[in-house]
């Protein structure tokens, strides 16, 4: 989470940015809208925001063959993520080998979910979602 001060004319407000809280909307909603020309970020805050956003997207690219193999599991993974999205702070993947493989070879994938510590109910939801992945 990042908090950035924004100046609106003479007053200042704070913008809270949460990379995990992405919203999807129809681009048609932007038709006829004009950019906000009053709100401003200080140059140093703008740089901080850009660096923070860029850092959140730094990750190793998955091999093309692995991405192709995962296409069939997208719906299943989306269902699991939907159930866990409020409880999981990070998903870590370890993939071996880290490059494309030949036909007949297999990837060894370890997935680690970093779960927020809370009540037993969350633990149960995590176990149920994990069972659905099998």
N, C-alpha and C. Protein backbone atom coordinates (compact mmCIF):
# COMPACT_ATOMS: atom_id res chain seq x y z
N UNK A 1 0.85 -1.16 0.00
CA UNK A 1 0.00 0.00 0.00
C UNK A 1 0.90 1.23 0.00
N UNK A 2 0.48 2.24 -0.73
CA UNK A 2 1.23 3.49 -0.81
C UNK A 2 0.26 4.65 -0.62
N UNK A 3 0.68 5.65 0.14
CA UNK A 3 -0.10 6.87 0.31
C UNK A 3 0.68 8.02 -0.33
N UNK A 4 -0.01 8.75 -1.20
CA UNK A 4 0.62 9.83 -1.95
C UNK A 4 -0.22 11.10 -1.79
N UNK A 5 0.42 12.23 -1.42
CA UNK A 5 -0.34 13.48 -1.32
C UNK A 5 -0.62 14.07 -2.70
N UNK A 6 -1.86 14.51 -2.89
CA UNK A 6 -2.27 15.15 -4.15
C UNK A 6 -2.80 16.53 -3.82
N UNK A 7 -2.35 17.51 -4.57
CA UNK A 7 -2.81 18.88 -4.38
C UNK A 7 -3.96 19.15 -5.35
N UNK A 8 -5.10 19.56 -4.80
CA UNK A 8 -6.27 19.92 -5.61
C UNK A 8 -6.46 21.42 -5.48
N UNK A 9 -5.85 22.17 -6.37
CA UNK A 9 -5.93 23.62 -6.26
C UNK A 9 -5.16 24.08 -5.04
N UNK A 10 -5.89 24.47 -3.98
CA UNK A 10 -5.23 24.96 -2.77
C UNK A 10 -5.24 23.94 -1.63
N UNK A 11 -6.01 22.88 -1.76
CA UNK A 11 -6.08 21.88 -0.69
C UNK A 11 -5.28 20.63 -1.06
N UNK A 12 -4.99 19.85 -0.03
CA UNK A 12 -4.24 18.61 -0.25
C UNK A 12 -5.06 17.42 0.24
N UNK A 13 -5.07 16.37 -0.55
CA UNK A 13 -5.73 15.12 -0.18
C UNK A 13 -4.71 14.00 -0.32
N UNK A 14 -5.05 12.84 0.24
CA UNK A 14 -4.15 11.69 0.16
C UNK A 14 -4.78 10.62 -0.70
N UNK A 15 -3.99 10.11 -1.62
CA UNK A 15 -4.41 9.01 -2.48
C UNK A 15 -3.82 7.72 -1.91
N UNK A 16 -4.68 6.73 -1.68
CA UNK A 16 -4.21 5.43 -1.22
C UNK A 16 -4.19 4.49 -2.41
N UNK A 17 -3.03 3.91 -2.68
CA UNK A 17 -2.87 3.01 -3.81
C UNK A 17 -2.60 1.61 -3.28
N UNK A 18 -3.43 0.67 -3.71
CA UNK A 18 -3.27 -0.75 -3.32
C UNK A 18 -3.18 -1.57 -4.60
N UNK A 19 -2.00 -2.08 -4.86
CA UNK A 19 -1.77 -2.81 -6.11
C UNK A 19 -2.65 -4.04 -6.23
N UNK A 20 -3.01 -4.65 -5.11
CA UNK A 20 -3.82 -5.87 -5.16
C UNK A 20 -5.30 -5.58 -5.39
N UNK A 21 -5.71 -4.32 -5.32
CA UNK A 21 -7.12 -3.94 -5.50
C UNK A 21 -7.31 -3.35 -6.89
N UNK A 22 -7.24 -4.18 -7.88
CA UNK A 22 -7.42 -3.73 -9.25
C UNK A 22 -8.89 -3.83 -9.62
N UNK A 23 -9.35 -2.86 -10.35
CA UNK A 23 -10.74 -2.84 -10.80
C UNK A 23 -10.76 -2.88 -12.32
N UNK A 24 -11.70 -3.59 -12.88
CA UNK A 24 -11.86 -3.66 -14.33
C UNK A 24 -13.17 -2.96 -14.69
N UNK A 25 -13.11 -2.17 -15.74
CA UNK A 25 -14.32 -1.47 -16.18
C UNK A 25 -14.27 -1.32 -17.69
N UNK A 26 -15.43 -1.06 -18.27
CA UNK A 26 -15.55 -0.90 -19.71
C UNK A 26 -14.91 0.43 -20.11
N UNK A 27 -14.00 0.38 -21.07
CA UNK A 27 -13.31 1.60 -21.51
C UNK A 27 -14.29 2.64 -22.07
N UNK A 28 -15.43 2.19 -22.52
CA UNK A 28 -16.43 3.12 -23.05
C UNK A 28 -16.85 4.14 -22.00
N UNK A 29 -16.70 3.79 -20.73
CA UNK A 29 -17.05 4.73 -19.66
C UNK A 29 -16.16 5.97 -19.68
N UNK A 30 -15.00 5.87 -20.31
CA UNK A 30 -14.08 7.01 -20.39
C UNK A 30 -14.39 7.95 -21.55
N UNK A 31 -15.24 7.50 -22.47
CA UNK A 31 -15.59 8.34 -23.62
C UNK A 31 -16.19 9.66 -23.15
N UNK A 32 -15.68 10.74 -23.69
CA UNK A 32 -16.19 12.06 -23.36
C UNK A 32 -15.62 12.63 -22.07
N UNK A 33 -14.85 11.86 -21.34
CA UNK A 33 -14.25 12.35 -20.08
C UNK A 33 -12.94 13.06 -20.40
N UNK A 34 -12.65 14.08 -19.63
CA UNK A 34 -11.41 14.84 -19.79
C UNK A 34 -10.50 14.57 -18.60
N UNK A 35 -9.20 14.60 -18.79
CA UNK A 35 -8.28 14.42 -17.66
C UNK A 35 -8.46 15.52 -16.62
N UNK A 36 -8.20 15.18 -15.38
CA UNK A 36 -8.24 16.15 -14.28
C UNK A 36 -7.02 17.05 -14.41
N UNK A 37 -7.26 18.34 -14.68
CA UNK A 37 -6.14 19.27 -14.86
C UNK A 37 -5.83 20.05 -13.58
N UNK A 38 -6.63 19.86 -12.53
CA UNK A 38 -6.43 20.60 -11.28
C UNK A 38 -5.54 19.82 -10.32
N UNK A 39 -5.77 18.52 -10.19
CA UNK A 39 -5.01 17.71 -9.23
C UNK A 39 -3.57 17.54 -9.70
N UNK A 40 -2.65 17.67 -8.75
CA UNK A 40 -1.22 17.59 -9.08
C UNK A 40 -0.48 16.77 -8.04
N UNK A 41 0.54 16.06 -8.52
CA UNK A 41 1.50 15.37 -7.66
C UNK A 41 2.81 16.14 -7.70
N UNK A 42 3.46 16.24 -6.57
CA UNK A 42 4.81 16.79 -6.57
C UNK A 42 5.69 15.85 -7.39
N UNK A 43 6.71 16.36 -8.03
CA UNK A 43 7.58 15.53 -8.86
C UNK A 43 8.18 14.37 -8.08
N UNK A 44 8.60 14.60 -6.85
CA UNK A 44 9.20 13.52 -6.05
C UNK A 44 8.15 12.45 -5.72
N UNK A 45 6.90 12.86 -5.47
CA UNK A 45 5.84 11.89 -5.20
C UNK A 45 5.47 11.11 -6.46
N UNK A 46 5.49 11.79 -7.60
CA UNK A 46 5.22 11.11 -8.87
C UNK A 46 6.28 10.04 -9.13
N UNK A 47 7.55 10.38 -8.88
CA UNK A 47 8.63 9.40 -9.06
C UNK A 47 8.45 8.22 -8.12
N UNK A 48 8.10 8.51 -6.85
CA UNK A 48 7.86 7.43 -5.88
C UNK A 48 6.74 6.51 -6.35
N UNK A 49 5.66 7.09 -6.85
CA UNK A 49 4.52 6.30 -7.34
C UNK A 49 4.93 5.43 -8.52
N UNK A 50 5.64 6.01 -9.47
CA UNK A 50 6.08 5.25 -10.65
C UNK A 50 7.00 4.11 -10.24
N UNK A 51 7.97 4.37 -9.36
CA UNK A 51 8.88 3.31 -8.91
C UNK A 51 8.14 2.23 -8.14
N UNK A 52 7.21 2.63 -7.29
CA UNK A 52 6.44 1.67 -6.50
C UNK A 52 5.62 0.77 -7.43
N UNK A 53 4.96 1.36 -8.43
CA UNK A 53 4.19 0.57 -9.38
C UNK A 53 5.09 -0.37 -10.18
N UNK A 54 6.22 0.14 -10.64
CA UNK A 54 7.14 -0.69 -11.42
C UNK A 54 7.67 -1.85 -10.59
N UNK A 55 8.00 -1.61 -9.32
CA UNK A 55 8.50 -2.67 -8.45
C UNK A 55 7.48 -3.78 -8.26
N UNK A 56 6.21 -3.42 -8.23
CA UNK A 56 5.18 -4.42 -7.99
C UNK A 56 5.00 -5.35 -9.19
N UNK A 57 5.51 -4.97 -10.35
CA UNK A 57 5.39 -5.81 -11.53
C UNK A 57 6.67 -6.54 -11.87
N UNK A 58 7.72 -6.38 -11.09
CA UNK A 58 8.97 -7.08 -11.37
C UNK A 58 8.84 -8.53 -10.97
N UNK A 59 8.99 -9.37 -11.93
CA UNK A 59 8.96 -10.81 -11.67
C UNK A 59 9.62 -11.49 -12.85
N UNK A 60 10.05 -12.70 -12.63
CA UNK A 60 10.64 -13.47 -13.72
C UNK A 60 9.54 -13.94 -14.66
N UNK A 61 9.81 -13.89 -15.94
CA UNK A 61 8.83 -14.37 -16.92
C UNK A 61 8.77 -15.89 -16.87
N UNK A 62 7.57 -16.42 -16.95
CA UNK A 62 7.41 -17.87 -17.00
C UNK A 62 7.70 -18.36 -18.42
N UNK A 63 8.27 -19.55 -18.55
CA UNK A 63 8.53 -20.09 -19.89
C UNK A 63 7.24 -20.20 -20.71
N UNK A 64 7.35 -19.99 -22.02
CA UNK A 64 6.17 -20.05 -22.89
C UNK A 64 5.47 -21.40 -22.81
N UNK A 65 6.24 -22.49 -22.77
CA UNK A 65 5.61 -23.81 -22.71
C UNK A 65 4.81 -23.98 -21.43
N UNK A 66 5.29 -23.42 -20.33
CA UNK A 66 4.55 -23.51 -19.07
C UNK A 66 3.27 -22.69 -19.15
N UNK A 67 3.35 -21.49 -19.71
CA UNK A 67 2.15 -20.67 -19.85
C UNK A 67 1.11 -21.37 -20.71
N UNK A 68 1.56 -22.04 -21.77
CA UNK A 68 0.62 -22.79 -22.62
C UNK A 68 -0.02 -23.93 -21.85
N UNK A 69 0.76 -24.63 -21.02
CA UNK A 69 0.22 -25.72 -20.22
C UNK A 69 -0.81 -25.22 -19.20
N UNK A 70 -0.60 -24.02 -18.68
CA UNK A 70 -1.49 -23.48 -17.65
C UNK A 70 -2.81 -22.96 -18.22
N UNK A 71 -2.90 -22.78 -19.53
CA UNK A 71 -4.13 -22.26 -20.13
C UNK A 71 -5.35 -23.07 -19.72
N UNK A 72 -5.20 -24.39 -19.67
CA UNK A 72 -6.32 -25.25 -19.30
C UNK A 72 -6.72 -25.15 -17.84
N UNK A 73 -5.86 -24.60 -17.00
CA UNK A 73 -6.13 -24.52 -15.56
C UNK A 73 -6.59 -23.14 -15.12
N UNK A 74 -6.70 -22.20 -16.05
CA UNK A 74 -7.01 -20.82 -15.66
C UNK A 74 -8.31 -20.69 -14.87
N UNK A 75 -9.37 -21.36 -15.31
CA UNK A 75 -10.65 -21.24 -14.62
C UNK A 75 -10.56 -21.82 -13.21
N UNK A 76 -9.89 -22.95 -13.09
CA UNK A 76 -9.74 -23.59 -11.79
C UNK A 76 -8.93 -22.69 -10.84
N UNK A 77 -7.84 -22.14 -11.35
CA UNK A 77 -7.02 -21.24 -10.54
C UNK A 77 -7.78 -19.97 -10.17
N UNK A 78 -8.59 -19.46 -11.09
CA UNK A 78 -9.38 -18.25 -10.81
C UNK A 78 -10.38 -18.50 -9.69
N UNK A 79 -11.00 -19.69 -9.67
CA UNK A 79 -11.95 -20.03 -8.60
C UNK A 79 -11.25 -20.08 -7.25
N UNK A 80 -10.07 -20.69 -7.23
CA UNK A 80 -9.31 -20.78 -5.98
C UNK A 80 -8.90 -19.38 -5.53
N UNK A 81 -8.39 -18.57 -6.46
CA UNK A 81 -7.97 -17.22 -6.10
C UNK A 81 -9.14 -16.40 -5.58
N UNK A 82 -10.31 -16.54 -6.21
CA UNK A 82 -11.49 -15.79 -5.76
C UNK A 82 -11.80 -16.09 -4.29
N UNK A 83 -11.67 -17.34 -3.90
CA UNK A 83 -11.95 -17.72 -2.52
C UNK A 83 -10.89 -17.20 -1.56
N UNK A 84 -9.66 -17.06 -2.04
CA UNK A 84 -8.55 -16.72 -1.15
C UNK A 84 -8.06 -15.29 -1.27
N UNK A 85 -8.58 -14.52 -2.20
CA UNK A 85 -7.99 -13.22 -2.51
C UNK A 85 -7.90 -12.28 -1.31
N UNK A 86 -8.83 -12.36 -0.38
CA UNK A 86 -8.77 -11.47 0.78
C UNK A 86 -7.83 -12.00 1.85
N UNK A 87 -7.38 -13.24 1.71
CA UNK A 87 -6.54 -13.85 2.73
C UNK A 87 -5.08 -14.02 2.31
N UNK A 88 -4.82 -14.03 1.01
CA UNK A 88 -3.47 -14.29 0.51
C UNK A 88 -2.79 -12.96 0.21
N UNK A 89 -1.62 -12.76 0.81
CA UNK A 89 -0.89 -11.53 0.54
C UNK A 89 0.11 -11.70 -0.60
N UNK A 90 0.60 -12.91 -0.82
CA UNK A 90 1.56 -13.18 -1.89
C UNK A 90 1.41 -14.61 -2.37
N UNK A 91 1.72 -14.80 -3.64
CA UNK A 91 1.80 -16.14 -4.22
C UNK A 91 3.20 -16.27 -4.80
N UNK A 92 3.94 -17.25 -4.32
CA UNK A 92 5.31 -17.46 -4.77
C UNK A 92 5.38 -18.76 -5.56
N UNK A 93 5.99 -18.71 -6.73
CA UNK A 93 6.15 -19.91 -7.56
C UNK A 93 7.62 -20.22 -7.71
N UNK A 94 7.93 -21.48 -7.60
CA UNK A 94 9.27 -21.96 -7.91
C UNK A 94 9.10 -22.95 -9.05
N UNK A 95 9.74 -22.67 -10.18
CA UNK A 95 9.57 -23.49 -11.38
C UNK A 95 10.92 -24.06 -11.80
N UNK A 96 10.95 -25.39 -12.02
CA UNK A 96 12.16 -26.02 -12.51
C UNK A 96 11.79 -26.97 -13.63
N UNK A 97 12.43 -26.92 -14.75
CA UNK A 97 13.46 -25.96 -15.13
C UNK A 97 12.84 -24.59 -15.42
N UNK A 98 13.66 -23.58 -15.44
CA UNK A 98 13.16 -22.21 -15.62
C UNK A 98 13.10 -21.80 -17.09
N UNK A 99 13.33 -22.74 -17.97
CA UNK A 99 13.26 -22.44 -19.41
C UNK A 99 12.25 -23.39 -20.07
N UNK A 100 12.01 -23.18 -21.36
CA UNK A 100 11.07 -24.03 -22.08
C UNK A 100 11.56 -25.48 -22.07
N UNK A 101 10.60 -26.40 -22.07
CA UNK A 101 10.94 -27.83 -22.06
C UNK A 101 10.52 -28.48 -23.37
N UNK A 102 11.05 -29.67 -23.60
CA UNK A 102 10.70 -30.44 -24.80
C UNK A 102 9.45 -31.26 -24.54
N UNK A 103 8.83 -31.71 -25.60
CA UNK A 103 7.66 -32.57 -25.49
C UNK A 103 8.01 -33.81 -24.68
N UNK A 104 7.14 -34.18 -23.76
CA UNK A 104 7.37 -35.34 -22.92
C UNK A 104 8.06 -35.03 -21.60
N UNK A 105 8.67 -33.86 -21.49
CA UNK A 105 9.30 -33.46 -20.23
C UNK A 105 8.25 -32.78 -19.35
N UNK A 106 8.57 -32.64 -18.09
CA UNK A 106 7.62 -32.05 -17.14
C UNK A 106 8.28 -30.94 -16.35
N UNK A 107 7.45 -30.01 -15.89
CA UNK A 107 7.90 -28.97 -14.96
C UNK A 107 7.68 -29.43 -13.54
N UNK A 108 8.54 -29.03 -12.65
CA UNK A 108 8.35 -29.22 -11.21
C UNK A 108 7.99 -27.84 -10.67
N UNK A 109 6.78 -27.71 -10.16
CA UNK A 109 6.29 -26.40 -9.70
C UNK A 109 5.92 -26.49 -8.23
N UNK A 110 6.47 -25.58 -7.45
CA UNK A 110 6.08 -25.46 -6.05
C UNK A 110 5.40 -24.11 -5.89
N UNK A 111 4.19 -24.12 -5.34
CA UNK A 111 3.44 -22.88 -5.12
C UNK A 111 3.33 -22.67 -3.62
N UNK A 112 3.73 -21.49 -3.18
CA UNK A 112 3.62 -21.13 -1.77
C UNK A 112 2.69 -19.94 -1.66
N UNK A 113 1.65 -20.07 -0.84
CA UNK A 113 0.72 -18.97 -0.60
C UNK A 113 1.08 -18.36 0.74
N UNK A 114 1.29 -17.07 0.77
CA UNK A 114 1.53 -16.35 2.01
C UNK A 114 0.17 -15.86 2.49
N UNK A 115 -0.30 -16.48 3.58
CA UNK A 115 -1.66 -16.25 4.06
C UNK A 115 -1.62 -15.38 5.30
N UNK A 116 -2.55 -14.44 5.37
CA UNK A 116 -2.69 -13.60 6.55
C UNK A 116 -3.11 -14.45 7.73
N UNK A 117 -2.50 -14.25 8.86
CA UNK A 117 -2.82 -15.04 10.05
C UNK A 117 -4.13 -14.54 10.64
N UNK A 118 -5.07 -15.46 10.84
CA UNK A 118 -6.36 -15.06 11.36
C UNK A 118 -7.05 -16.26 11.98
N UNK A 119 -8.38 -16.22 12.01
CA UNK A 119 -9.16 -17.25 12.68
C UNK A 119 -9.07 -18.60 11.96
N UNK A 120 -9.58 -19.62 12.61
CA UNK A 120 -9.59 -20.97 12.05
C UNK A 120 -10.39 -21.03 10.75
N UNK A 121 -11.37 -20.16 10.60
CA UNK A 121 -12.19 -20.16 9.39
C UNK A 121 -11.33 -19.91 8.16
N UNK A 122 -10.38 -19.01 8.28
CA UNK A 122 -9.49 -18.75 7.15
C UNK A 122 -8.62 -19.96 6.87
N UNK A 123 -8.17 -20.63 7.92
CA UNK A 123 -7.36 -21.83 7.73
C UNK A 123 -8.17 -22.89 6.98
N UNK A 124 -9.42 -23.03 7.35
CA UNK A 124 -10.29 -24.01 6.69
C UNK A 124 -10.48 -23.65 5.22
N UNK A 125 -10.72 -22.38 4.92
CA UNK A 125 -10.90 -21.95 3.53
C UNK A 125 -9.64 -22.21 2.73
N UNK A 126 -8.49 -22.02 3.33
CA UNK A 126 -7.23 -22.27 2.65
C UNK A 126 -7.07 -23.75 2.33
N UNK A 127 -7.38 -24.61 3.29
CA UNK A 127 -7.28 -26.06 3.05
C UNK A 127 -8.25 -26.50 1.96
N UNK A 128 -9.47 -25.95 1.98
CA UNK A 128 -10.47 -26.33 0.97
C UNK A 128 -10.01 -25.90 -0.42
N UNK A 129 -9.50 -24.68 -0.52
CA UNK A 129 -9.03 -24.19 -1.81
C UNK A 129 -7.84 -25.00 -2.30
N UNK A 130 -6.95 -25.37 -1.39
CA UNK A 130 -5.80 -26.20 -1.76
C UNK A 130 -6.24 -27.56 -2.27
N UNK A 131 -7.27 -28.12 -1.66
CA UNK A 131 -7.78 -29.42 -2.09
C UNK A 131 -8.36 -29.33 -3.50
N UNK A 132 -8.95 -28.18 -3.85
CA UNK A 132 -9.52 -28.01 -5.18
C UNK A 132 -8.45 -27.95 -6.26
N UNK A 133 -7.23 -27.56 -5.88
CA UNK A 133 -6.14 -27.51 -6.85
C UNK A 133 -5.67 -28.90 -7.26
N UNK A 134 -5.89 -29.87 -6.40
CA UNK A 134 -5.39 -31.23 -6.68
C UNK A 134 -6.18 -31.90 -7.77
